[in-house]
Amino acid sequence: IEQVFRALSRGAGFVRRSRLEIIYTILSLCRNAGAKKTRIMYQSNLSFNQLEKYLETLTSLGLLAKDKGVYRLTEKGNEFLREFQDLKRLLE
């Protein structure tokens, strides 16, 4: 999680939702059959530039893999989703 924060803190200011919530949304959209940029952009409510930064970061961290324009969740990404869900449960 710290790697994700450090990598994204280099980008432009992201406001309203936490970075983790945005990451969770993106990773969730890429489960199963994966998702293309347009779907991720609209369903995560991000601008194209914001989405590009997130996808680049998540791919470089090994949470997502890109294949023929489709972003798919990696095993590491699945593990991140599970850990995040556990953390959310603890904080409720």
Protein backbone atom coordinates (compact mmCIF):
# COMPACT_ATOMS: atom_id res chain seq x y z
CA ILE A 1 0.00 0.00 0.00
CA GLU A 2 2.85 2.39 0.79
CA GLN A 3 4.27 1.86 -2.71
CA VAL A 4 0.95 2.88 -4.22
CA PHE A 5 0.78 6.06 -2.09
CA ARG A 6 4.36 7.07 -2.95
CA ALA A 7 3.89 6.43 -6.65
CA LEU A 8 0.64 8.39 -6.88
CA SER A 9 1.81 11.28 -4.71
CA ARG A 10 4.13 12.29 -7.57
CA GLY A 11 1.12 13.07 -9.76
CA ALA A 12 -1.31 15.96 -9.82
CA GLY A 13 -3.57 16.56 -6.84
CA PHE A 14 -6.43 14.09 -6.56
CA VAL A 15 -9.38 15.28 -4.53
CA ARG A 16 -12.65 14.12 -2.96
CA ARG A 17 -12.26 10.33 -2.94
CA SER A 18 -9.23 8.84 -1.34
CA ARG A 19 -6.61 7.38 -3.63
CA LEU A 20 -7.29 3.97 -2.14
CA GLU A 21 -10.98 4.22 -2.99
CA ILE A 22 -10.14 5.11 -6.59
CA ILE A 23 -7.61 2.28 -6.80
CA TYR A 24 -10.16 -0.14 -5.35
CA THR A 25 -12.71 0.95 -7.97
CA ILE A 26 -10.26 0.56 -10.86
CA LEU A 27 -9.05 -2.84 -9.69
CA SER A 28 -12.63 -4.04 -9.12
CA LEU A 29 -13.57 -3.05 -12.67
CA CYS A 30 -10.66 -5.07 -14.06
CA ARG A 31 -11.60 -8.34 -12.33
CA ASN A 32 -12.84 -11.33 -14.31
CA ALA A 33 -12.91 -10.41 -18.03
CA GLY A 34 -10.98 -7.15 -17.57
CA ALA A 35 -11.89 -3.70 -18.81
CA LYS A 36 -10.87 -1.20 -21.46
CA LYS A 37 -9.83 2.37 -20.67
CA THR A 38 -13.15 3.92 -21.66
CA ARG A 39 -15.16 1.70 -19.34
CA ILE A 40 -12.74 2.27 -16.47
CA MET A 41 -12.74 6.03 -17.06
CA TYR A 42 -16.52 6.40 -17.05
CA GLN A 43 -17.27 3.98 -14.22
CA SER A 44 -14.52 5.33 -11.97
CA ASN A 45 -15.48 8.94 -12.81
CA LEU A 46 -11.95 10.04 -13.69
CA SER A 47 -10.62 12.31 -16.41
CA PHE A 48 -8.52 10.70 -19.11
CA ASN A 49 -5.32 12.23 -17.69
CA GLN A 50 -6.09 11.03 -14.16
CA LEU A 51 -6.91 7.56 -15.43
CA GLU A 52 -3.67 7.39 -17.43
CA LYS A 53 -1.64 8.12 -14.27
CA TYR A 54 -3.49 5.52 -12.22
CA LEU A 55 -3.24 2.84 -14.92
CA GLU A 56 0.46 3.51 -15.45
CA THR A 57 1.11 3.28 -11.70
CA LEU A 58 -1.02 0.19 -11.11
CA THR A 59 0.54 -1.57 -14.10
CA SER A 60 4.09 -0.69 -13.05
CA LEU A 61 3.37 -1.99 -9.54
CA GLY A 62 2.14 -5.28 -10.98
CA LEU A 63 -1.48 -4.88 -9.82
CA LEU A 64 -2.80 -4.72 -13.39
CA ALA A 65 -1.65 -6.24 -16.68
CA LYS A 66 -2.54 -4.88 -20.11
CA ASP A 67 -3.26 -7.25 -22.97
CA LYS A 68 -4.55 -5.98 -26.34
CA GLY A 69 -6.05 -2.84 -24.80
CA VAL A 70 -7.75 -4.72 -21.95
CA TYR A 71 -6.60 -4.25 -18.37
CA ARG A 72 -6.80 -7.35 -16.22
CA LEU A 73 -6.25 -7.85 -12.52
CA THR A 74 -3.09 -9.76 -11.60
CA GLU A 75 -2.74 -12.08 -8.62
CA LYS A 76 -1.01 -9.24 -6.78
CA GLY A 77 -4.00 -7.02 -7.65
CA ASN A 78 -6.38 -9.67 -6.30
CA GLU A 79 -4.39 -9.79 -3.09
CA PHE A 80 -4.58 -5.99 -2.80
CA LEU A 81 -8.39 -6.10 -3.21
CA ARG A 82 -8.71 -8.78 -0.51
CA GLU A 83 -6.48 -6.85 1.91
CA PHE A 84 -8.37 -3.61 1.26
CA GLN A 85 -11.72 -5.29 1.86
CA ASP A 86 -10.40 -6.75 5.14
CA LEU A 87 -9.19 -3.30 6.19
CA LYS A 88 -12.58 -1.74 5.37
CA ARG A 89 -14.31 -4.39 7.48
CA LEU A 90 -12.02 -3.68 10.43
CA LEU A 91 -12.72 0.05 10.25
CA GLU A 92 -16.52 -0.27 10.07
